[in-house]
Amino acid sequence: MEFELRPWKLSDLDNLVIHANNPNIAKNLTDGFPHPYTKEHALQFIANASKHEPTQVLAIVVDEIAVGGIGIHPQSDIHHKNAELGYWLSQSYWGKGIMTKAIEQMVKYGFENLPINRIFARPFGSNIPSQKVLEKAGFKLEARFEKTIFKNNAFEDELVYAMRKEYGM
């Protein structure tokens, strides 16, 4: 399925609320991704997504509609050569190959535009689809931390997948 990555716009507000307001998405993300997802959350998100140069958080757009997001978040201090990858996609578009390609594009963008040499992602142990997407995009499992995340009234394993610039490009 065809899609594009582009910066978030205020005109994405209504579609962001429609596609992000889903407990099946929120359950696999940090508590910083709320449910229910309101217009106020969307306004704050778009404002935050627009404040970095180069842009670090992009909309995943299908047929001119923002249906997901992907971001690369540089770390600080002794981890400043690393960036965390985060992403979500509207449930209506799951299983169509979009996220693997979006991750590949975002990794390329990150390595070309940010002074980093490692990009990592931290899916929950129960989120098998996210693990498979990362593996298809070329990420390698580096670590599994048992029962370190507490989400939805249960402990979850935290996995760390990563790709290094010298291997991924």
Foldseek 3Di string as FASTA:
>chain_A
DDKDWDQDDPVQLVLCLVQLQDVVFVQWDPCLSDHRQDSVNSVVVSVVQPPDVVRFKIFIGDPNHGFKIKGWAADDDPRRQETEIDMTGGPVCPPVLSLLVVVLVSVVVCVVPGNHFKYKYKTWPVCVSVVVSCVSNPWDWDDWAFQPDQGPNGGTIITMTMDGNVPND
